[in-house]
Amino acid sequence: MVGLILRHRAEYLKKLQATPRELSPEQADKILRSLEQVPKERMTVGFFGQDPEAEQYALQIKTLLVSAGFTIVRLEGFMVFRLSHGLEVIAYKSDSNIPTATGICDAFQNAGVPIRMETNPNKMDPAISLNVHGKPTQQL
């Protein structure tokens, strides 16, 4: 019995993993409304460069951010040295960009889209990057 349950769960998780991430219309609308009051800054959107699914999701997020009034100066692939999953916003060396980065994180989280925020002491231009890593792995 336990073997059958585990096999069904494994099949379900395989299908779930194969389904590309995308924001639902409700999530996108909620994010757009939440971003109305967030200070707009120039930013980049990145994606894990060897993952076509991450690139597609990053493109959807870029389009949403442009609709919200942000200027996306680059959509770019990146390589990682430490494997990471999901979405993250990085605020680079500037106190002035923290409200924007926090507002973006809050907007996604309020719409039910998990995202984390990190700060980085390096100076970058632009000072905010939203990065799409691979899909989060599911545990059995």
C-alpha atoms as a PDB file:
ATOM      1  CA  MET A   1       0.000   0.000   0.000  1.00  0.00           C
ATOM      2  CA  VAL A   2       2.783   2.457   0.963  1.00  0.00           C
ATOM      3  CA  GLY A   3       4.633   1.611  -2.274  1.00  0.00           C
ATOM      4  CA  LEU A   4       1.533   2.448  -4.330  1.00  0.00           C
ATOM      5  CA  ILE A   5       1.072   5.779  -2.541  1.00  0.00           C
ATOM      6  CA  LEU A   6       4.726   6.685  -3.062  1.00  0.00           C
ATOM      7  CA  ARG A   7       4.549   5.734  -6.765  1.00  0.00           C
ATOM      8  CA  HIS A   8       1.425   7.885  -7.282  1.00  0.00           C
ATOM      9  CA  ARG A   9       3.067  10.770  -5.436  1.00  0.00           C
ATOM     10  CA  ALA A  10       6.228  10.429  -7.537  1.00  0.00           C
ATOM     11  CA  GLU A  11       4.147  10.472 -10.748  1.00  0.00           C
ATOM     12  CA  TYR A  12       2.255  13.552  -9.546  1.00  0.00           C
ATOM     13  CA  LEU A  13       5.496  15.359  -8.676  1.00  0.00           C
ATOM     14  CA  LYS A  14       6.999  14.471 -12.059  1.00  0.00           C
ATOM     15  CA  LYS A  15       3.996  16.069 -13.818  1.00  0.00           C
ATOM     16  CA  LEU A  16       4.192  19.088 -11.512  1.00  0.00           C
ATOM     17  CA  GLN A  17       7.897  19.492 -12.249  1.00  0.00           C
ATOM     18  CA  ALA A  18       7.243  19.272 -16.016  1.00  0.00           C
ATOM     19  CA  THR A  19       4.642  22.062 -15.904  1.00  0.00           C
ATOM     20  CA  PRO A  20       6.225  25.463 -16.607  1.00  0.00           C
ATOM     21  CA  ARG A  21       5.798  28.205 -14.036  1.00  0.00           C
ATOM     22  CA  GLU A  22       3.576  31.082 -14.968  1.00  0.00           C
ATOM     23  CA  LEU A  23       1.720  33.806 -13.174  1.00  0.00           C
ATOM     24  CA  SER A  24      -2.030  33.398 -13.242  1.00  0.00           C
ATOM     25  CA  PRO A  25      -4.070  36.402 -14.414  1.00  0.00           C
ATOM     26  CA  GLU A  26      -5.206  36.884 -10.802  1.00  0.00           C
ATOM     27  CA  GLN A  27      -1.626  36.844  -9.507  1.00  0.00           C
ATOM     28  CA  ALA A  28      -0.469  39.270 -12.210  1.00  0.00           C
ATOM     29  CA  ASP A  29      -3.329  41.656 -11.418  1.00  0.00           C
ATOM     30  CA  LYS A  30      -2.611  41.516  -7.688  1.00  0.00           C
ATOM     31  CA  ILE A  31       1.110  42.154  -8.292  1.00  0.00           C
ATOM     32  CA  LEU A  32       0.369  45.109 -10.596  1.00  0.00           C
ATOM     33  CA  ARG A  33      -1.929  46.684  -8.021  1.00  0.00           C
ATOM     34  CA  SER A  34       0.634  46.163  -5.251  1.00  0.00           C
ATOM     35  CA  LEU A  35       3.398  47.734  -7.346  1.00  0.00           C
ATOM     36  CA  GLU A  36       1.466  50.976  -7.952  1.00  0.00           C
ATOM     37  CA  GLN A  37       2.921  52.625  -4.836  1.00  0.00           C
ATOM     38  CA  VAL A  38       6.409  51.119  -5.096  1.00  0.00           C
ATOM     39  CA  PRO A  39       9.169  53.566  -6.162  1.00  0.00           C
ATOM     40  CA  LYS A  40      10.190  52.757  -9.739  1.00  0.00           C
ATOM     41  CA  GLU A  41      13.878  52.174 -10.400  1.00  0.00           C
ATOM     42  CA  ARG A  42      15.857  50.848 -13.316  1.00  0.00           C
ATOM     43  CA  MET A  43      16.505  47.153 -12.875  1.00  0.00           C
ATOM     44  CA  THR A  44      17.504  43.923 -14.557  1.00  0.00           C
ATOM     45  CA  VAL A  45      15.687  40.621 -14.831  1.00  0.00           C
ATOM     46  CA  GLY A  46      17.888  37.555 -14.958  1.00  0.00           C
ATOM     47  CA  PHE A  47      17.321  33.864 -15.486  1.00  0.00           C
ATOM     48  CA  PHE A  48      19.372  30.726 -15.001  1.00  0.00           C
ATOM     49  CA  GLY A  49      20.965  30.608 -18.449  1.00  0.00           C
ATOM     50  CA  GLN A  50      20.744  26.888 -19.081  1.00  0.00           C
ATOM     51  CA  ASP A  51      17.049  26.606 -18.253  1.00  0.00           C
ATOM     52  CA  PRO A  52      14.502  27.462 -20.978  1.00  0.00           C
ATOM     53  CA  GLU A  53      11.664  27.251 -18.436  1.00  0.00           C
ATOM     54  CA  ALA A  54      13.356  29.877 -16.224  1.00  0.00           C
ATOM     55  CA  GLU A  55      13.879  32.116 -19.284  1.00  0.00           C
ATOM     56  CA  GLN A  56      10.185  31.909 -20.206  1.00  0.00           C
ATOM     57  CA  TYR A  57       9.120  32.738 -16.648  1.00  0.00           C
ATOM     58  CA  ALA A  58      11.623  35.632 -16.519  1.00  0.00           C
ATOM     59  CA  LEU A  59      10.177  37.032 -19.746  1.00  0.00           C
ATOM     60  CA  GLN A  60       6.665  36.957 -18.272  1.00  0.00           C
ATOM     61  CA  ILE A  61       7.892  38.721 -15.123  1.00  0.00           C
ATOM     62  CA  LYS A  62       9.801  41.317 -17.189  1.00  0.00           C
ATOM     63  CA  THR A  63       6.642  42.114 -19.155  1.00  0.00           C
ATOM     64  CA  LEU A  64       4.692  42.486 -15.912  1.00  0.00           C
ATOM     65  CA  LEU A  65       7.301  44.814 -14.385  1.00  0.00           C
ATOM     66  CA  VAL A  66       7.372  46.989 -17.521  1.00  0.00           C
ATOM     67  CA  SER A  67       3.551  47.198 -17.343  1.00  0.00           C
ATOM     68  CA  ALA A  68       3.930  48.365 -13.744  1.00  0.00           C
ATOM     69  CA  GLY A  69       6.219  51.227 -14.835  1.00  0.00           C
ATOM     70  CA  PHE A  70       9.678  49.804 -14.195  1.00  0.00           C
ATOM     71  CA  THR A  71      12.486  50.249 -16.719  1.00  0.00           C
ATOM     72  CA  ILE A  72      14.136  46.909 -17.384  1.00  0.00           C
ATOM     73  CA  VAL A  73      17.566  47.675 -18.811  1.00  0.00           C
ATOM     74  CA  ARG A  74      18.535  44.031 -19.422  1.00  0.00           C
ATOM     75  CA  LEU A  75      16.976  40.597 -19.614  1.00  0.00           C
ATOM     76  CA  GLU A  76      19.965  38.312 -19.240  1.00  0.00           C
ATOM     77  CA  GLY A  77      20.973  34.752 -18.572  1.00  0.00           C
ATOM     78  CA  PHE A  78      23.373  34.017 -15.749  1.00  0.00           C
ATOM     79  CA  MET A  79      25.489  31.154 -14.446  1.00  0.00           C
ATOM     80  CA  VAL A  80      25.506  30.169 -10.793  1.00  0.00           C
ATOM     81  CA  PHE A  81      28.206  28.834  -8.528  1.00  0.00           C
ATOM     82  CA  ARG A  82      25.747  27.847  -5.810  1.00  0.00           C
ATOM     83  CA  LEU A  83      22.586  26.093  -6.965  1.00  0.00           C
ATOM     84  CA  SER A  84      19.486  28.057  -6.069  1.00  0.00           C
ATOM     85  CA  HIS A  85      15.789  27.708  -6.836  1.00  0.00           C
ATOM     86  CA  GLY A  86      12.810  30.017  -7.220  1.00  0.00           C
ATOM     87  CA  LEU A  87      12.731  33.809  -7.390  1.00  0.00           C
ATOM     88  CA  GLU A  88      14.978  36.318  -5.685  1.00  0.00           C
ATOM     89  CA  VAL A  89      15.401  40.066  -5.658  1.00  0.00           C
ATOM     90  CA  ILE A  90      18.905  41.379  -5.073  1.00  0.00           C
ATOM     91  CA  ALA A  91      19.397  44.929  -3.813  1.00  0.00           C
ATOM     92  CA  TYR A  92      22.950  46.065  -4.477  1.00  0.00           C
ATOM     93  CA  LYS A  93      24.917  48.593  -2.394  1.00  0.00           C
ATOM     94  CA  SER A  94      22.459  51.430  -1.941  1.00  0.00           C
ATOM     95  CA  ASP A  95      20.070  52.241   0.867  1.00  0.00           C
ATOM     96  CA  SER A  96      17.836  54.121  -1.549  1.00  0.00           C
ATOM     97  CA  ASN A  97      16.853  50.974  -3.466  1.00  0.00           C
ATOM     98  CA  ILE A  98      15.725  48.963  -0.426  1.00  0.00           C
ATOM     99  CA  PRO A  99      12.092  50.282  -0.483  1.00  0.00           C
ATOM    100  CA  THR A 100      11.809  49.285  -4.145  1.00  0.00           C
ATOM    101  CA  ALA A 101      13.274  45.814  -3.594  1.00  0.00           C
ATOM    102  CA  THR A 102      11.109  45.252  -0.518  1.00  0.00           C
ATOM    103  CA  GLY A 103       8.017  46.490  -2.371  1.00  0.00           C
ATOM    104  CA  ILE A 104       8.654  44.075  -5.241  1.00  0.00           C
ATOM    105  CA  CYS A 105       9.074  41.164  -2.810  1.00  0.00           C
ATOM    106  CA  ASP A 106       5.923  42.124  -0.918  1.00  0.00           C
ATOM    107  CA  ALA A 107       3.913  42.381  -4.157  1.00  0.00           C
ATOM    108  CA  PHE A 108       4.890  38.874  -5.270  1.00  0.00           C
ATOM    109  CA  GLN A 109       4.441  37.345  -1.812  1.00  0.00           C
ATOM    110  CA  ASN A 110       1.010  38.969  -1.393  1.00  0.00           C
ATOM    111  CA  ALA A 111      -0.002  37.328  -4.679  1.00  0.00           C
ATOM    112  CA  GLY A 112       1.108  33.926  -3.394  1.00  0.00           C
ATOM    113  CA  VAL A 113       4.354  33.816  -5.392  1.00  0.00           C
ATOM    114  CA  PRO A 114       7.312  32.807  -3.196  1.00  0.00           C
ATOM    115  CA  ILE A 115      10.294  35.144  -3.525  1.00  0.00           C
ATOM    116  CA  ARG A 116      13.246  36.004  -1.315  1.00  0.00           C
ATOM    117  CA  MET A 117      15.315  39.157  -0.993  1.00  0.00           C
ATOM    118  CA  GLU A 118      19.050  39.458  -0.587  1.00  0.00           C
ATOM    119  CA  THR A 119      21.354  42.415  -0.267  1.00  0.00           C
ATOM    120  CA  ASN A 120      24.774  42.539  -1.870  1.00  0.00           C
ATOM    121  CA  PRO A 121      27.543  44.967  -0.854  1.00  0.00           C
ATOM    122  CA  ASN A 122      28.865  45.287  -4.430  1.00  0.00           C
ATOM    123  CA  LYS A 123      27.978  48.407  -6.394  1.00  0.00           C
ATOM    124  CA  MET A 124      26.006  47.553  -9.521  1.00  0.00           C
ATOM    125  CA  ASP A 125      24.131  49.551 -12.107  1.00  0.00           C
ATOM    126  CA  PRO A 126      21.235  49.096 -11.997  1.00  0.00           C
ATOM    127  CA  ALA A 127      21.074  48.457  -8.277  1.00  0.00           C
ATOM    128  CA  ILE A 128      18.182  45.966  -8.335  1.00  0.00           C
ATOM    129  CA  SER A 129      17.927  42.599 -10.053  1.00  0.00           C
ATOM    130  CA  LEU A 130      15.053  40.130 -10.021  1.00  0.00           C
ATOM    131  CA  ASN A 131      16.436  36.665 -10.779  1.00  0.00           C
ATOM    132  CA  VAL A 132      14.591  33.541 -11.858  1.00  0.00           C
ATOM    133  CA  HIS A 133      16.393  30.356 -10.857  1.00  0.00           C
ATOM    134  CA  GLY A 134      15.298  26.820 -11.663  1.00  0.00           C
ATOM    135  CA  LYS A 135      12.016  25.452 -10.421  1.00  0.00           C
ATOM    136  CA  PRO A 136      11.987  24.603  -6.723  1.00  0.00           C
ATOM    137  CA  THR A 137      12.452  20.885  -6.205  1.00  0.00           C
ATOM    138  CA  GLN A 138       9.680  18.920  -4.566  1.00  0.00           C
ATOM    139  CA  GLN A 139      10.384  16.451  -1.795  1.00  0.00           C
ATOM    140  CA  LEU A 140       8.637  13.085  -1.567  1.00  0.00           C
END
